[in-house]
C-alpha atoms as a PDB file:
ATOM      1  CA  UNK A   1       5.875  24.884  -3.068  1.00  0.00           C
ATOM      2  CA  UNK A   2       3.038  24.454  -0.507  1.00  0.00           C
ATOM      3  CA  UNK A   3      -0.682  24.133  -0.865  1.00  0.00           C
ATOM      4  CA  UNK A   4      -3.325  23.802   1.870  1.00  0.00           C
ATOM      5  CA  UNK A   5      -6.195  21.299   2.267  1.00  0.00           C
ATOM      6  CA  UNK A   6      -9.170  21.673   4.594  1.00  0.00           C
ATOM      7  CA  UNK A   7      -9.050  19.373   7.578  1.00  0.00           C
ATOM      8  CA  UNK A   8     -11.853  17.730   9.509  1.00  0.00           C
ATOM      9  CA  UNK A   9     -12.586  21.008  11.398  1.00  0.00           C
ATOM     10  CA  UNK A  10     -12.834  23.052   8.170  1.00  0.00           C
ATOM     11  CA  UNK A  11      -9.666  25.032   8.759  1.00  0.00           C
ATOM     12  CA  UNK A  12      -6.806  24.983   6.298  1.00  0.00           C
ATOM     13  CA  UNK A  13      -3.191  24.142   6.964  1.00  0.00           C
ATOM     14  CA  UNK A  14      -0.149  23.817   4.616  1.00  0.00           C
ATOM     15  CA  UNK A  15       1.166  20.501   3.358  1.00  0.00           C
ATOM     16  CA  UNK A  16       4.151  19.971   1.166  1.00  0.00           C
ATOM     17  CA  UNK A  17       3.407  19.064  -2.472  1.00  0.00           C
ATOM     18  CA  UNK A  18       4.678  15.645  -3.351  1.00  0.00           C
ATOM     19  CA  UNK A  19       7.410  15.444  -6.090  1.00  0.00           C
ATOM     20  CA  UNK A  20       6.314  14.817  -9.652  1.00  0.00           C
ATOM     21  CA  UNK A  21       5.626  11.182 -10.191  1.00  0.00           C
ATOM     22  CA  UNK A  22       4.934  10.436  -6.468  1.00  0.00           C
ATOM     23  CA  UNK A  23       3.010   7.352  -5.733  1.00  0.00           C
ATOM     24  CA  UNK A  24       0.546   6.482  -3.021  1.00  0.00           C
ATOM     25  CA  UNK A  25       0.843   2.720  -2.802  1.00  0.00           C
ATOM     26  CA  UNK A  26      -2.251   2.027  -0.717  1.00  0.00           C
ATOM     27  CA  UNK A  27      -5.322   3.977  -1.737  1.00  0.00           C
ATOM     28  CA  UNK A  28      -8.582   2.190  -0.796  1.00  0.00           C
ATOM     29  CA  UNK A  29     -11.415   2.241  -3.234  1.00  0.00           C
ATOM     30  CA  UNK A  30     -14.641   3.389  -1.606  1.00  0.00           C
ATOM     31  CA  UNK A  31     -17.105   1.486  -3.704  1.00  0.00           C
ATOM     32  CA  UNK A  32     -20.438   0.030  -2.466  1.00  0.00           C
ATOM     33  CA  UNK A  33     -19.731  -3.199  -4.347  1.00  0.00           C
ATOM     34  CA  UNK A  34     -17.385  -4.313  -1.570  1.00  0.00           C
ATOM     35  CA  UNK A  35     -18.764  -2.528   1.483  1.00  0.00           C
ATOM     36  CA  UNK A  36     -17.641  -5.270   3.875  1.00  0.00           C
ATOM     37  CA  UNK A  37     -16.881  -2.670   6.642  1.00  0.00           C
ATOM     38  CA  UNK A  38     -18.464   0.540   7.743  1.00  0.00           C
ATOM     39  CA  UNK A  39     -21.639   2.154   6.571  1.00  0.00           C
ATOM     40  CA  UNK A  40     -22.770   1.667   2.985  1.00  0.00           C
ATOM     41  CA  UNK A  41     -23.760   5.338   3.103  1.00  0.00           C
ATOM     42  CA  UNK A  42     -20.085   6.181   3.130  1.00  0.00           C
ATOM     43  CA  UNK A  43     -19.602   4.370  -0.172  1.00  0.00           C
ATOM     44  CA  UNK A  44     -20.666   5.275  -3.740  1.00  0.00           C
ATOM     45  CA  UNK A  45     -22.697   3.117  -6.103  1.00  0.00           C
ATOM     46  CA  UNK A  46     -19.867   3.239  -8.735  1.00  0.00           C
ATOM     47  CA  UNK A  47     -16.901   5.438  -8.291  1.00  0.00           C
ATOM     48  CA  UNK A  48     -16.100   7.712 -11.153  1.00  0.00           C
ATOM     49  CA  UNK A  49     -12.730   8.934 -12.363  1.00  0.00           C
ATOM     50  CA  UNK A  50     -13.381  12.208 -10.548  1.00  0.00           C
ATOM     51  CA  UNK A  51     -13.906  10.360  -7.271  1.00  0.00           C
ATOM     52  CA  UNK A  52     -10.560   8.623  -7.564  1.00  0.00           C
ATOM     53  CA  UNK A  53      -8.774  11.815  -8.715  1.00  0.00           C
ATOM     54  CA  UNK A  54     -10.150  13.721  -5.672  1.00  0.00           C
ATOM     55  CA  UNK A  55      -8.424  11.226  -3.390  1.00  0.00           C
ATOM     56  CA  UNK A  56      -5.238  11.603  -5.335  1.00  0.00           C
ATOM     57  CA  UNK A  57      -5.473  15.348  -4.968  1.00  0.00           C
ATOM     58  CA  UNK A  58      -6.024  15.182  -1.291  1.00  0.00           C
ATOM     59  CA  UNK A  59      -2.993  12.945  -0.759  1.00  0.00           C
ATOM     60  CA  UNK A  60      -0.977  14.909  -3.329  1.00  0.00           C
ATOM     61  CA  UNK A  61       0.234  12.118  -5.597  1.00  0.00           C
ATOM     62  CA  UNK A  62       0.026  11.585  -9.323  1.00  0.00           C
ATOM     63  CA  UNK A  63       0.426   7.803  -9.327  1.00  0.00           C
ATOM     64  CA  UNK A  64      -1.630   5.351  -7.303  1.00  0.00           C
ATOM     65  CA  UNK A  65      -1.726   1.669  -6.389  1.00  0.00           C
ATOM     66  CA  UNK A  66      -5.309   0.865  -5.493  1.00  0.00           C
ATOM     67  CA  UNK A  67      -6.219  -1.747  -2.901  1.00  0.00           C
ATOM     68  CA  UNK A  68      -9.679  -3.200  -2.101  1.00  0.00           C
ATOM     69  CA  UNK A  69     -10.637  -3.446   1.582  1.00  0.00           C
ATOM     70  CA  UNK A  70     -12.629  -6.625   1.088  1.00  0.00           C
ATOM     71  CA  UNK A  71     -10.539  -9.779   1.250  1.00  0.00           C
ATOM     72  CA  UNK A  72     -12.917 -12.712   0.936  1.00  0.00           C
ATOM     73  CA  UNK A  73     -14.786 -13.336  -2.266  1.00  0.00           C
ATOM     74  CA  UNK A  74     -13.419 -10.133  -3.733  1.00  0.00           C
ATOM     75  CA  UNK A  75     -14.564  -9.052  -7.181  1.00  0.00           C
ATOM     76  CA  UNK A  76     -11.320  -7.705  -8.679  1.00  0.00           C
ATOM     77  CA  UNK A  77     -13.332  -5.891 -11.451  1.00  0.00           C
ATOM     78  CA  UNK A  78     -13.561  -3.068  -8.950  1.00  0.00           C
ATOM     79  CA  UNK A  79      -9.852  -2.682  -8.941  1.00  0.00           C
ATOM     80  CA  UNK A  80      -9.723  -2.946 -12.709  1.00  0.00           C
ATOM     81  CA  UNK A  81     -12.388  -0.244 -12.993  1.00  0.00           C
ATOM     82  CA  UNK A  82     -10.261   2.076 -10.806  1.00  0.00           C
ATOM     83  CA  UNK A  83      -7.203   1.496 -12.838  1.00  0.00           C
ATOM     84  CA  UNK A  84      -9.014   2.224 -16.038  1.00  0.00           C
ATOM     85  CA  UNK A  85     -10.612   5.371 -14.467  1.00  0.00           C
ATOM     86  CA  UNK A  86      -7.280   6.779 -13.425  1.00  0.00           C
ATOM     87  CA  UNK A  87      -5.307   5.661 -16.380  1.00  0.00           C
ATOM     88  CA  UNK A  88      -3.308   2.445 -16.648  1.00  0.00           C
ATOM     89  CA  UNK A  89      -0.098   4.393 -17.282  1.00  0.00           C
ATOM     90  CA  UNK A  90      -0.197   5.800 -13.826  1.00  0.00           C
ATOM     91  CA  UNK A  91      -2.157   3.343 -11.752  1.00  0.00           C
ATOM     92  CA  UNK A  92      -1.612  -0.269 -10.589  1.00  0.00           C
ATOM     93  CA  UNK A  93      -3.706  -2.618  -8.506  1.00  0.00           C
ATOM     94  CA  UNK A  94      -3.312  -5.322  -5.912  1.00  0.00           C
ATOM     95  CA  UNK A  95      -5.697  -8.256  -6.255  1.00  0.00           C
ATOM     96  CA  UNK A  96      -7.132 -10.794  -3.813  1.00  0.00           C
ATOM     97  CA  UNK A  97      -7.658 -14.124  -5.492  1.00  0.00           C
ATOM     98  CA  UNK A  98      -8.957 -17.543  -4.451  1.00  0.00           C
ATOM     99  CA  UNK A  99      -6.640 -20.567  -4.434  1.00  0.00           C
ATOM    100  CA  UNK A 100      -8.413 -22.015  -7.515  1.00  0.00           C
ATOM    101  CA  UNK A 101      -8.013 -18.878  -9.686  1.00  0.00           C
ATOM    102  CA  UNK A 102      -7.330 -19.866 -13.252  1.00  0.00           C
ATOM    103  CA  UNK A 103      -4.224 -18.994 -15.302  1.00  0.00           C
ATOM    104  CA  UNK A 104      -6.468 -17.153 -17.711  1.00  0.00           C
ATOM    105  CA  UNK A 105      -7.894 -15.019 -14.934  1.00  0.00           C
ATOM    106  CA  UNK A 106      -4.419 -14.181 -13.656  1.00  0.00           C
ATOM    107  CA  UNK A 107      -3.441 -13.101 -17.209  1.00  0.00           C
ATOM    108  CA  UNK A 108      -6.591 -10.928 -17.477  1.00  0.00           C
ATOM    109  CA  UNK A 109      -5.775  -9.132 -14.203  1.00  0.00           C
ATOM    110  CA  UNK A 110      -2.131  -8.616 -15.365  1.00  0.00           C
ATOM    111  CA  UNK A 111      -3.387  -7.031 -18.519  1.00  0.00           C
ATOM    112  CA  UNK A 112      -5.638  -4.763 -16.551  1.00  0.00           C
ATOM    113  CA  UNK A 113      -2.753  -3.396 -14.443  1.00  0.00           C
ATOM    114  CA  UNK A 114      -2.568  -5.767 -11.512  1.00  0.00           C
ATOM    115  CA  UNK A 115       0.938  -6.292 -10.248  1.00  0.00           C
ATOM    116  CA  UNK A 116       0.530  -8.187  -6.958  1.00  0.00           C
ATOM    117  CA  UNK A 117      -1.719 -10.268  -4.765  1.00  0.00           C
ATOM    118  CA  UNK A 118      -2.557  -9.678  -1.143  1.00  0.00           C
ATOM    119  CA  UNK A 119      -2.674 -12.384   1.489  1.00  0.00           C
ATOM    120  CA  UNK A 120      -4.755 -11.065   4.438  1.00  0.00           C
ATOM    121  CA  UNK A 121      -4.255 -13.629   7.141  1.00  0.00           C
ATOM    122  CA  UNK A 122      -4.024 -11.299  10.046  1.00  0.00           C
ATOM    123  CA  UNK A 123      -7.383 -12.642  11.137  1.00  0.00           C
ATOM    124  CA  UNK A 124      -8.610 -15.990   9.951  1.00  0.00           C
ATOM    125  CA  UNK A 125     -12.264 -14.886  10.028  1.00  0.00           C
ATOM    126  CA  UNK A 126     -11.873 -12.937   6.726  1.00  0.00           C
ATOM    127  CA  UNK A 127      -8.911 -14.689   5.186  1.00  0.00           C
ATOM    128  CA  UNK A 128      -9.329 -15.656   1.481  1.00  0.00           C
ATOM    129  CA  UNK A 129      -6.636 -18.369   1.774  1.00  0.00           C
ATOM    130  CA  UNK A 130      -4.706 -20.176   4.486  1.00  0.00           C
ATOM    131  CA  UNK A 131      -0.993 -20.442   5.014  1.00  0.00           C
ATOM    132  CA  UNK A 132      -0.737 -23.669   3.047  1.00  0.00           C
ATOM    133  CA  UNK A 133      -1.829 -21.796  -0.166  1.00  0.00           C
ATOM    134  CA  UNK A 134       0.598 -18.969   0.032  1.00  0.00           C
ATOM    135  CA  UNK A 135       3.568 -20.790  -1.531  1.00  0.00           C
ATOM    136  CA  UNK A 136       1.610 -22.338  -4.523  1.00  0.00           C
ATOM    137  CA  UNK A 137      -0.009 -18.980  -5.394  1.00  0.00           C
ATOM    138  CA  UNK A 138       3.251 -17.168  -4.887  1.00  0.00           C
ATOM    139  CA  UNK A 139       4.965 -19.512  -7.320  1.00  0.00           C
ATOM    140  CA  UNK A 140       2.235 -18.874  -9.985  1.00  0.00           C
ATOM    141  CA  UNK A 141       2.216 -15.148  -9.801  1.00  0.00           C
ATOM    142  CA  UNK A 142       6.025 -15.140  -9.784  1.00  0.00           C
ATOM    143  CA  UNK A 143       5.828 -16.136 -13.490  1.00  0.00           C
ATOM    144  CA  UNK A 144       3.886 -12.867 -14.130  1.00  0.00           C
ATOM    145  CA  UNK A 145       6.518 -10.766 -12.356  1.00  0.00           C
ATOM    146  CA  UNK A 146       4.040 -10.027  -9.561  1.00  0.00           C
ATOM    147  CA  UNK A 147       4.855  -9.592  -5.822  1.00  0.00           C
ATOM    148  CA  UNK A 148       2.957 -10.917  -2.842  1.00  0.00           C
ATOM    149  CA  UNK A 149       1.741  -8.373  -0.286  1.00  0.00           C
ATOM    150  CA  UNK A 150       1.556  -9.828   3.190  1.00  0.00           C
ATOM    151  CA  UNK A 151      -1.014  -8.461   5.544  1.00  0.00           C
ATOM    152  CA  UNK A 152       0.187 -10.617   8.463  1.00  0.00           C
ATOM    153  CA  UNK A 153       0.687 -10.094  12.108  1.00  0.00           C
ATOM    154  CA  UNK A 154       4.297  -9.920  13.426  1.00  0.00           C
ATOM    155  CA  UNK A 155       3.679 -13.226  15.204  1.00  0.00           C
ATOM    156  CA  UNK A 156       2.637 -14.843  11.980  1.00  0.00           C
ATOM    157  CA  UNK A 157       5.744 -13.580  10.233  1.00  0.00           C
ATOM    158  CA  UNK A 158       7.958 -15.028  12.963  1.00  0.00           C
ATOM    159  CA  UNK A 159       6.127 -18.315  12.918  1.00  0.00           C
ATOM    160  CA  UNK A 160       6.272 -18.766   9.222  1.00  0.00           C
ATOM    161  CA  UNK A 161       9.904 -17.570   8.627  1.00  0.00           C
ATOM    162  CA  UNK A 162      10.847 -20.802   6.809  1.00  0.00           C
ATOM    163  CA  UNK A 163       7.844 -20.414   4.443  1.00  0.00           C
ATOM    164  CA  UNK A 164       8.813 -16.797   3.722  1.00  0.00           C
ATOM    165  CA  UNK A 165      12.406 -17.844   2.979  1.00  0.00           C
ATOM    166  CA  UNK A 166      11.067 -20.275   0.345  1.00  0.00           C
ATOM    167  CA  UNK A 167       8.989 -17.872  -1.628  1.00  0.00           C
ATOM    168  CA  UNK A 168      10.422 -17.215  -5.034  1.00  0.00           C
ATOM    169  CA  UNK A 169       8.808 -13.839  -5.617  1.00  0.00           C
ATOM    170  CA  UNK A 170       9.195 -10.390  -4.329  1.00  0.00           C
ATOM    171  CA  UNK A 171       7.552  -9.863  -0.933  1.00  0.00           C
ATOM    172  CA  UNK A 172       5.997  -6.678   0.395  1.00  0.00           C
ATOM    173  CA  UNK A 173       5.276  -6.479   4.095  1.00  0.00           C
ATOM    174  CA  UNK A 174       2.298  -4.291   4.737  1.00  0.00           C
ATOM    175  CA  UNK A 175       1.846  -1.898   7.640  1.00  0.00           C
ATOM    176  CA  UNK A 176       5.530  -1.802   8.632  1.00  0.00           C
ATOM    177  CA  UNK A 177       5.354  -5.573   9.078  1.00  0.00           C
ATOM    178  CA  UNK A 178       2.854  -4.945  11.902  1.00  0.00           C
ATOM    179  CA  UNK A 179       5.494  -4.826  14.657  1.00  0.00           C
ATOM    180  CA  UNK A 180       3.781  -4.416  17.982  1.00  0.00           C
ATOM    181  CA  UNK A 181       4.514  -1.653  20.422  1.00  0.00           C
ATOM    182  CA  UNK A 182       6.256  -0.921  22.725  1.00  0.00           C
ATOM    183  CA  UNK A 183       9.162  -3.328  22.020  1.00  0.00           C
ATOM    184  CA  UNK A 184       8.715  -3.472  18.233  1.00  0.00           C
ATOM    185  CA  UNK A 185      12.426  -3.709  17.263  1.00  0.00           C
ATOM    186  CA  UNK A 186      13.054  -6.526  19.716  1.00  0.00           C
ATOM    187  CA  UNK A 187      10.176  -8.635  18.262  1.00  0.00           C
ATOM    188  CA  UNK A 188      11.433 -11.809  16.422  1.00  0.00           C
ATOM    189  CA  UNK A 189       9.633 -10.562  13.162  1.00  0.00           C
ATOM    190  CA  UNK A 190      11.981  -7.620  12.922  1.00  0.00           C
ATOM    191  CA  UNK A 191      14.955 -10.026  12.593  1.00  0.00           C
ATOM    192  CA  UNK A 192      13.039 -12.279  10.144  1.00  0.00           C
ATOM    193  CA  UNK A 193      12.183  -9.425   7.803  1.00  0.00           C
ATOM    194  CA  UNK A 194      15.749  -7.863   8.171  1.00  0.00           C
ATOM    195  CA  UNK A 195      17.214 -11.232   7.001  1.00  0.00           C
ATOM    196  CA  UNK A 196      14.724 -11.476   4.099  1.00  0.00           C
ATOM    197  CA  UNK A 197      15.696  -7.944   3.058  1.00  0.00           C
ATOM    198  CA  UNK A 198      19.223  -9.028   2.401  1.00  0.00           C
ATOM    199  CA  UNK A 199      17.967 -11.009  -0.712  1.00  0.00           C
ATOM    200  CA  UNK A 200      17.070  -7.754  -2.473  1.00  0.00           C
ATOM    201  CA  UNK A 201      13.483  -8.869  -3.084  1.00  0.00           C
ATOM    202  CA  UNK A 202      11.894  -7.813   0.115  1.00  0.00           C
ATOM    203  CA  UNK A 203      10.076  -4.570   0.643  1.00  0.00           C
ATOM    204  CA  UNK A 204       8.437  -2.667   3.492  1.00  0.00           C
ATOM    205  CA  UNK A 205       5.407  -0.448   3.035  1.00  0.00           C
ATOM    206  CA  UNK A 206       5.304   2.581   5.293  1.00  0.00           C
ATOM    207  CA  UNK A 207       1.654   2.775   6.080  1.00  0.00           C
ATOM    208  CA  UNK A 208      -0.826   2.915   8.923  1.00  0.00           C
ATOM    209  CA  UNK A 209      -1.527   6.570   9.629  1.00  0.00           C
ATOM    210  CA  UNK A 210      -5.265   5.930   9.904  1.00  0.00           C
ATOM    211  CA  UNK A 211      -4.628   3.934  13.002  1.00  0.00           C
ATOM    212  CA  UNK A 212      -3.108   6.943  14.690  1.00  0.00           C
ATOM    213  CA  UNK A 213      -6.727   7.827  15.639  1.00  0.00           C
ATOM    214  CA  UNK A 214      -7.052   4.404  17.206  1.00  0.00           C
ATOM    215  CA  UNK A 215      -4.687   4.791  20.117  1.00  0.00           C
ATOM    216  CA  UNK A 216      -4.924   1.716  22.270  1.00  0.00           C
ATOM    217  CA  UNK A 217      -6.748  -0.316  19.559  1.00  0.00           C
ATOM    218  CA  UNK A 218      -5.685  -3.891  18.755  1.00  0.00           C
ATOM    219  CA  UNK A 219      -2.545  -3.833  16.812  1.00  0.00           C
ATOM    220  CA  UNK A 220      -0.991  -0.768  18.600  1.00  0.00           C
ATOM    221  CA  UNK A 221      -0.158   1.611  15.848  1.00  0.00           C
ATOM    222  CA  UNK A 222      -0.582   4.865  17.831  1.00  0.00           C
ATOM    223  CA  UNK A 223       3.082   5.812  17.239  1.00  0.00           C
ATOM    224  CA  UNK A 224       5.065   3.976  14.678  1.00  0.00           C
ATOM    225  CA  UNK A 225       7.698   6.637  13.902  1.00  0.00           C
ATOM    226  CA  UNK A 226      10.630   4.703  15.439  1.00  0.00           C
ATOM    227  CA  UNK A 227       9.616   1.544  13.531  1.00  0.00           C
ATOM    228  CA  UNK A 228       9.327   3.420  10.168  1.00  0.00           C
ATOM    229  CA  UNK A 229      12.618   5.107  10.655  1.00  0.00           C
ATOM    230  CA  UNK A 230      14.328   1.853  11.501  1.00  0.00           C
ATOM    231  CA  UNK A 231      13.129   0.251   8.241  1.00  0.00           C
ATOM    232  CA  UNK A 232      14.228   3.373   6.258  1.00  0.00           C
ATOM    233  CA  UNK A 233      17.691   3.351   7.801  1.00  0.00           C
ATOM    234  CA  UNK A 234      18.044  -0.388   7.111  1.00  0.00           C
ATOM    235  CA  UNK A 235      17.286  -0.341   3.342  1.00  0.00           C
ATOM    236  CA  UNK A 236      15.877   2.962   1.945  1.00  0.00           C
ATOM    237  CA  UNK A 237      15.959   1.395  -1.560  1.00  0.00           C
ATOM    238  CA  UNK A 238      13.359  -1.163  -0.403  1.00  0.00           C
ATOM    239  CA  UNK A 239      10.672   1.119   1.149  1.00  0.00           C
ATOM    240  CA  UNK A 240       7.466   2.440  -0.462  1.00  0.00           C
ATOM    241  CA  UNK A 241       4.796   4.831   0.974  1.00  0.00           C
ATOM    242  CA  UNK A 242       1.228   3.993   1.358  1.00  0.00           C
ATOM    243  CA  UNK A 243      -1.279   6.333   3.016  1.00  0.00           C
ATOM    244  CA  UNK A 244      -3.690   3.548   3.613  1.00  0.00           C
ATOM    245  CA  UNK A 245      -6.479   6.063   3.140  1.00  0.00           C
ATOM    246  CA  UNK A 246      -9.408   6.259   3.123  1.00  0.00           C
ATOM    247  CA  UNK A 247      -9.854   3.215   5.306  1.00  0.00           C
ATOM    248  CA  UNK A 248     -13.085   1.252   5.357  1.00  0.00           C
ATOM    249  CA  UNK A 249     -13.101   0.702   9.047  1.00  0.00           C
ATOM    250  CA  UNK A 250     -13.352   4.421   9.689  1.00  0.00           C
ATOM    251  CA  UNK A 251     -16.211   5.670   7.514  1.00  0.00           C
ATOM    252  CA  UNK A 252     -16.615   8.854   9.641  1.00  0.00           C
ATOM    253  CA  UNK A 253     -13.386   9.725  11.482  1.00  0.00           C
ATOM    254  CA  UNK A 254     -10.432   9.792   9.093  1.00  0.00           C
ATOM    255  CA  UNK A 255      -7.069  11.373   9.612  1.00  0.00           C
ATOM    256  CA  UNK A 256      -6.528  14.995   8.645  1.00  0.00           C
ATOM    257  CA  UNK A 257      -5.657  14.867   5.006  1.00  0.00           C
ATOM    258  CA  UNK A 258      -2.820  17.368   5.369  1.00  0.00           C
ATOM    259  CA  UNK A 259      -1.231  15.300   8.121  1.00  0.00           C
ATOM    260  CA  UNK A 260      -0.434  12.427   5.725  1.00  0.00           C
ATOM    261  CA  UNK A 261       2.629  13.903   4.251  1.00  0.00           C
ATOM    262  CA  UNK A 262       3.532  15.620   7.515  1.00  0.00           C
ATOM    263  CA  UNK A 263       3.754  12.093   8.907  1.00  0.00           C
ATOM    264  CA  UNK A 264       5.898  10.838   6.026  1.00  0.00           C
ATOM    265  CA  UNK A 265       8.228  13.825   6.565  1.00  0.00           C
ATOM    266  CA  UNK A 266       8.643  12.782  10.101  1.00  0.00           C
ATOM    267  CA  UNK A 267       9.315   9.215   9.141  1.00  0.00           C
ATOM    268  CA  UNK A 268      11.693  10.178   6.223  1.00  0.00           C
ATOM    269  CA  UNK A 269      13.198  13.607   7.108  1.00  0.00           C
ATOM    270  CA  UNK A 270      15.766  13.592   4.255  1.00  0.00           C
ATOM    271  CA  UNK A 271      14.215  15.007   1.068  1.00  0.00           C
ATOM    272  CA  UNK A 272      16.337  12.986  -1.342  1.00  0.00           C
ATOM    273  CA  UNK A 273      15.301   9.731   0.505  1.00  0.00           C
ATOM    274  CA  UNK A 274      11.743  10.808   0.501  1.00  0.00           C
ATOM    275  CA  UNK A 275      11.880  11.347  -3.223  1.00  0.00           C
ATOM    276  CA  UNK A 276      13.241   7.793  -3.581  1.00  0.00           C
ATOM    277  CA  UNK A 277      10.526   6.462  -1.359  1.00  0.00           C
ATOM    278  CA  UNK A 278       7.685   8.243  -3.206  1.00  0.00           C
ATOM    279  CA  UNK A 279       8.904   8.166  -6.799  1.00  0.00           C
ATOM    280  CA  UNK A 280      11.808   5.872  -7.613  1.00  0.00           C
ATOM    281  CA  UNK A 281      10.991   2.820  -5.415  1.00  0.00           C
ATOM    282  CA  UNK A 282       7.343   2.415  -6.454  1.00  0.00           C
ATOM    283  CA  UNK A 283       8.175   2.823 -10.058  1.00  0.00           C
ATOM    284  CA  UNK A 284      10.554  -0.172  -9.754  1.00  0.00           C
ATOM    285  CA  UNK A 285       8.221  -2.310  -7.512  1.00  0.00           C
ATOM    286  CA  UNK A 286       4.986  -1.723  -9.367  1.00  0.00           C
ATOM    287  CA  UNK A 287       6.378  -1.599 -12.897  1.00  0.00           C
ATOM    288  CA  UNK A 288       5.391   1.952 -13.694  1.00  0.00           C
ATOM    289  CA  UNK A 289       6.720   3.420 -17.004  1.00  0.00           C
ATOM    290  CA  UNK A 290       9.668   5.709 -16.668  1.00  0.00           C
ATOM    291  CA  UNK A 291       8.814   9.390 -16.281  1.00  0.00           C
ATOM    292  CA  UNK A 292      10.163  11.634 -19.020  1.00  0.00           C
ATOM    293  CA  UNK A 293      10.703  15.284 -18.443  1.00  0.00           C
ATOM    294  CA  UNK A 294      10.246  17.566 -21.452  1.00  0.00           C
ATOM    295  CA  UNK A 295      12.799  20.266 -21.870  1.00  0.00           C
ATOM    296  CA  UNK A 296      12.744  23.358 -24.070  1.00  0.00           C
ATOM    297  CA  UNK A 297      15.309  23.440 -26.852  1.00  0.00           C
ATOM    298  CA  UNK A 298      16.865  26.940 -26.998  1.00  0.00           C
ATOM    299  CA  UNK A 299      16.358  28.726 -30.220  1.00  0.00           C
ATOM    300  CA  UNK A 300      19.518  29.313 -32.260  1.00  0.00           C
END
């Protein structure tokens, strides 16, 4: 089954419909309360359930893991609002917390649908923590069954390999582990993450399509197909999809909506594996309830 969505030029093009229960594991919330990047005019004063559902419809998923762009001094109530708006049974959130967060606050976030925390240390200018706080916080959230999502550079991953090996909880590497082009698979971080994935608790998020429009920008994500396919080949049971859309650093020029699943199809050509990446894996990682399919009972 195919549908079509208008792209930036106003024309329409087909995009494959995601399977039932598909999850977008990286949907940014566009809310003025954390307008750290971009124009406040691109935000809304308080997003409604319809605002969030429109983003889901454009991407084609029924389940969502919401992420806030802001990383320093984040008010996680925005994430909790989004979870409530979309329905806690099909929505999860990733929090950003300060090192002195209380146990009571972590419990409150868990009750609201948070299932992980994010360490954005790619640039120290907007980091909410430093590397010395990663292990203590990881140990605390491990008791809740949460994972840690690492928004780190490949160099940082390689430098802190021993720290990563000590973490007790599940690890999710954001943005394909940020392996740099053109020699991504020969970067030391590729081996570090590969070894960690042997423990059965390490995941890779296939994300970064918004950066396709930033060819030549810092980070070098213009063409990450080879990297994505390498991760999928290595351990398809430990990969999830995240559109990383809409992104706060691009309030005007965003990727063509219809291209998001086109890109995923290029990264994961096999339909059965794509179903696993979109449906089965995120259900396991983010603690979604099992999907039940109603069947008609034939009349006797």
